[in-house]
N, C-alpha and C. Protein backbone atom coordinates (compact mmCIF):
# COMPACT_ATOMS: atom_id res chain seq x y z
N MET A 1 -32.78 189.52 16.93
CA MET A 1 -33.51 190.01 18.11
C MET A 1 -34.82 189.23 18.42
N MET A 2 -35.57 188.97 17.33
CA MET A 2 -36.73 188.28 17.56
C MET A 2 -36.54 186.74 18.06
N SER A 3 -35.62 186.17 17.49
CA SER A 3 -35.26 184.79 17.94
C SER A 3 -34.79 184.67 19.32
N ASN A 4 -34.15 185.83 19.90
CA ASN A 4 -33.78 185.83 21.09
C ASN A 4 -35.06 185.88 22.20
N ASN A 5 -36.04 186.67 21.89
CA ASN A 5 -37.13 186.76 22.62
C ASN A 5 -37.96 185.31 22.69
N GLN A 6 -37.94 184.75 21.43
CA GLN A 6 -38.68 183.59 21.46
C GLN A 6 -37.96 182.35 22.16
N GLY A 7 -36.62 182.45 22.07
CA GLY A 7 -35.86 181.58 22.91
C GLY A 7 -36.10 181.72 24.38
N MET A 8 -36.12 182.88 24.85
CA MET A 8 -36.53 183.02 26.35
C MET A 8 -37.82 182.62 26.64
N GLY A 9 -38.73 182.69 25.84
CA GLY A 9 -40.11 182.18 26.08
C GLY A 9 -40.13 180.70 26.19
N MET A 10 -39.30 179.96 25.31
CA MET A 10 -39.33 178.53 25.42
C MET A 10 -38.59 178.10 26.67
N ASP A 11 -37.64 178.82 27.05
CA ASP A 11 -36.97 178.63 28.29
C ASP A 11 -37.93 178.54 29.50
N GLY A 12 -38.75 179.63 29.46
CA GLY A 12 -39.78 179.77 30.54
C GLY A 12 -40.84 178.61 30.61
N VAL A 13 -41.25 178.20 29.31
CA VAL A 13 -42.22 177.04 29.17
C VAL A 13 -41.49 175.70 29.75
N GLY A 14 -40.22 175.57 29.27
CA GLY A 14 -39.35 174.42 29.83
C GLY A 14 -39.28 174.49 31.26
N MET A 15 -39.06 175.51 31.87
CA MET A 15 -38.95 175.61 33.26
C MET A 15 -40.17 175.31 33.97
N MET A 16 -41.40 175.76 33.36
CA MET A 16 -42.64 175.37 33.97
C MET A 16 -43.02 173.96 33.86
N PHE A 17 -42.64 173.32 32.76
CA PHE A 17 -42.89 171.87 32.72
C PHE A 17 -41.87 171.00 33.70
N SER A 18 -40.73 171.67 33.83
CA SER A 18 -39.98 170.96 34.76
C SER A 18 -40.43 171.15 36.13
N LEU A 19 -41.04 172.29 36.60
CA LEU A 19 -41.52 172.52 37.79
C LEU A 19 -42.68 171.64 38.04
N PHE A 20 -43.54 171.48 37.08
CA PHE A 20 -44.75 170.45 37.13
C PHE A 20 -44.12 169.10 37.20
N GLY A 21 -43.17 168.64 36.61
CA GLY A 21 -42.59 167.43 36.80
C GLY A 21 -42.04 167.05 38.21
N ILE A 22 -41.37 168.08 38.69
CA ILE A 22 -40.89 167.99 40.12
C ILE A 22 -41.94 167.82 41.02
N LEU A 23 -42.92 168.65 40.72
CA LEU A 23 -44.17 168.58 41.64
C LEU A 23 -44.98 167.42 41.66
N TYR A 24 -44.99 166.73 40.46
CA TYR A 24 -45.75 165.52 40.28
C TYR A 24 -44.93 164.38 41.00
N PHE A 25 -43.60 164.43 40.83
CA PHE A 25 -42.78 163.50 41.49
C PHE A 25 -42.93 163.65 43.12
N ALA A 26 -43.00 164.82 43.61
CA ALA A 26 -43.17 165.12 44.99
C ALA A 26 -44.49 164.63 45.41
N ILE A 27 -45.63 164.61 44.75
CA ILE A 27 -46.85 164.27 45.15
C ILE A 27 -46.81 162.72 45.05
N ALA A 28 -46.28 162.12 44.08
CA ALA A 28 -46.24 160.65 43.84
C ALA A 28 -45.33 160.10 45.14
N LEU A 29 -44.22 160.65 45.50
CA LEU A 29 -43.50 160.26 46.56
C LEU A 29 -44.27 160.37 47.81
N PHE A 30 -44.99 161.43 48.00
CA PHE A 30 -45.83 161.59 49.31
C PHE A 30 -46.95 160.57 49.32
N ILE A 31 -47.57 160.16 48.28
CA ILE A 31 -48.61 159.05 48.18
C ILE A 31 -48.01 157.73 48.60
N ILE A 32 -46.90 157.49 48.13
CA ILE A 32 -46.14 156.25 48.37
C ILE A 32 -45.78 156.17 49.91
N VAL A 33 -45.26 157.11 50.35
CA VAL A 33 -44.92 157.27 51.83
C VAL A 33 -46.13 157.05 52.75
N LEU A 34 -47.15 157.76 52.36
CA LEU A 34 -48.32 157.58 53.01
C LEU A 34 -49.07 156.17 53.14
N THR A 35 -48.83 155.64 51.76
CA THR A 35 -49.40 154.17 51.64
C THR A 35 -48.57 153.35 52.49
N ILE A 36 -47.18 153.35 52.62
CA ILE A 36 -46.33 152.54 53.53
C ILE A 36 -46.66 152.76 54.98
N VAL A 37 -46.91 154.03 55.33
CA VAL A 37 -47.30 154.23 56.74
C VAL A 37 -48.69 153.66 56.95
N PHE A 38 -49.48 153.71 56.15
CA PHE A 38 -50.88 153.07 56.50
C PHE A 38 -50.83 151.71 56.65
N ILE A 39 -49.90 150.99 55.54
CA ILE A 39 -49.74 149.53 55.79
C ILE A 39 -49.19 149.11 57.19
N PHE A 40 -48.13 149.87 57.63
CA PHE A 40 -47.62 149.55 58.89
C PHE A 40 -48.59 149.86 60.09
N LYS A 41 -49.49 150.79 59.90
CA LYS A 41 -50.38 151.13 60.98
C LYS A 41 -51.46 149.96 60.89
N ALA A 42 -51.92 149.59 59.75
CA ALA A 42 -52.96 148.45 59.76
C ALA A 42 -52.26 147.07 60.33
N MET A 43 -51.13 146.80 59.97
CA MET A 43 -50.55 145.62 60.47
C MET A 43 -50.48 145.67 61.95
N GLY A 44 -50.10 146.72 62.61
CA GLY A 44 -50.12 147.05 64.10
C GLY A 44 -51.51 146.83 64.62
N PHE A 45 -52.41 147.41 63.98
CA PHE A 45 -53.84 147.22 64.46
C PHE A 45 -54.23 145.77 64.41
N MET A 46 -53.98 145.08 63.43
CA MET A 46 -54.41 143.69 63.22
C MET A 46 -53.72 142.79 64.21
N LYS A 47 -52.47 143.13 64.70
CA LYS A 47 -51.58 142.35 65.59
C LYS A 47 -52.26 142.57 67.10
N ARG A 48 -52.72 143.79 67.33
CA ARG A 48 -53.41 144.10 68.50
C ARG A 48 -54.85 143.41 68.54
N LYS A 49 -55.46 143.36 67.36
CA LYS A 49 -56.89 142.93 67.35
C LYS A 49 -56.84 141.42 67.53
N ASN A 50 -55.78 140.66 66.90
CA ASN A 50 -55.61 139.28 66.98
C ASN A 50 -55.43 138.83 68.44
N ALA A 51 -54.74 139.60 69.11
CA ALA A 51 -54.18 139.35 70.55
C ALA A 51 -55.60 139.54 71.45
N ALA A 52 -56.13 140.72 71.19
CA ALA A 52 -57.47 140.85 71.94
C ALA A 52 -58.41 139.83 71.52
N ASP A 53 -58.51 139.28 70.48
CA ASP A 53 -59.48 138.15 70.13
C ASP A 53 -59.18 136.93 70.61
N GLN A 54 -57.92 136.70 70.76
CA GLN A 54 -57.36 135.47 71.42
C GLN A 54 -57.76 135.44 72.95
N GLU A 55 -57.60 136.60 73.52
CA GLU A 55 -57.88 136.72 74.97
C GLU A 55 -59.38 136.58 75.19
N GLN A 56 -60.23 137.08 74.26
CA GLN A 56 -61.55 137.10 74.38
C GLN A 56 -62.00 135.62 74.31
N ASN A 57 -61.43 134.98 73.16
CA ASN A 57 -61.84 133.53 73.00
C ASN A 57 -61.51 132.55 74.21
N GLU A 58 -60.38 132.82 74.74
CA GLU A 58 -59.89 132.15 75.92
C GLU A 58 -60.84 132.25 77.08
N LEU A 59 -61.20 133.52 77.30
CA LEU A 59 -62.20 133.86 78.44
C LEU A 59 -63.57 133.20 78.11
N LEU A 60 -63.95 133.21 76.89
CA LEU A 60 -65.24 132.72 76.50
C LEU A 60 -65.11 131.15 76.74
N ARG A 61 -63.96 130.51 76.40
CA ARG A 61 -63.84 129.06 76.57
C ARG A 61 -64.07 128.70 78.21
N GLN A 62 -63.26 129.47 78.88
CA GLN A 62 -63.31 129.37 80.32
C GLN A 62 -64.89 129.61 80.87
N LEU A 63 -65.60 130.55 80.49
CA LEU A 63 -66.93 130.66 80.93
C LEU A 63 -67.74 129.46 80.46
N VAL A 64 -67.54 129.11 79.05
CA VAL A 64 -68.45 127.94 78.61
C VAL A 64 -68.19 126.68 79.43
N SER A 65 -66.94 126.39 79.54
CA SER A 65 -66.54 125.15 80.33
C SER A 65 -67.04 125.32 81.89
N SER A 66 -67.00 126.39 82.48
CA SER A 66 -67.40 126.39 83.79
C SER A 66 -68.94 126.35 83.98
N ASN A 67 -69.68 127.03 82.93
CA ASN A 67 -71.10 126.94 82.80
C ASN A 67 -71.58 125.41 82.45
N THR A 68 -70.85 124.77 81.72
CA THR A 68 -71.16 123.35 81.28
C THR A 68 -70.99 122.51 82.52
N SER A 69 -69.76 122.62 83.23
CA SER A 69 -69.67 121.78 84.37
C SER A 69 -70.57 122.01 85.57
N SER A 70 -70.81 123.47 85.83
CA SER A 70 -71.87 123.56 86.86
C SER A 70 -73.44 123.20 86.34
N ARG A 71 -73.72 123.21 85.15
CA ARG A 71 -74.91 122.76 84.63
C ARG A 71 -75.14 121.31 84.88
N THR A 72 -73.98 120.52 84.56
CA THR A 72 -74.13 118.96 84.58
C THR A 72 -74.20 118.69 86.04
N LYS A 73 -73.59 119.35 86.93
CA LYS A 73 -73.63 119.11 88.43
C LYS A 73 -75.00 119.35 88.95
N ASN A 74 -75.68 120.54 88.73
CA ASN A 74 -76.76 121.12 89.41
C ASN A 74 -78.03 120.85 88.57
N ASP A 75 -77.98 121.19 87.47
CA ASP A 75 -79.43 121.29 86.68
C ASP A 75 -79.45 120.05 85.48
N ASP A 76 -78.70 118.99 85.88
CA ASP A 76 -79.07 117.93 84.97
C ASP A 76 -80.36 117.14 85.14
N PRO A 77 -81.21 117.33 84.07
CA PRO A 77 -82.52 116.82 84.30
C PRO A 77 -82.60 115.20 84.51
N THR A 78 -81.53 114.49 83.97
CA THR A 78 -81.69 113.08 83.95
C THR A 78 -81.18 112.51 85.18
N SER A 79 -80.51 113.43 86.22
CA SER A 79 -80.14 112.91 87.41
C SER A 79 -81.22 112.84 88.50
N GLN A 80 -82.44 113.30 88.24
CA GLN A 80 -83.49 113.24 89.25
C GLN A 80 -84.23 111.84 89.11
């Protein structure tokens, strides 16, 4: 009789450890999924940022070239 109760107690402890194992696995899987989602979000952000930077650089080149050409025509001190 005594060994039967002790056996049931060990089964309960085993079930508790298996529950913690499953919970640990679920948390680890959740963290892995969040990491993958974060990586894809960061890659999408960097793609948009690079496109915006290229557009900004092109506009800046146009502005500098138009400013340089207008300065050489109008404000060149050596032409006086």
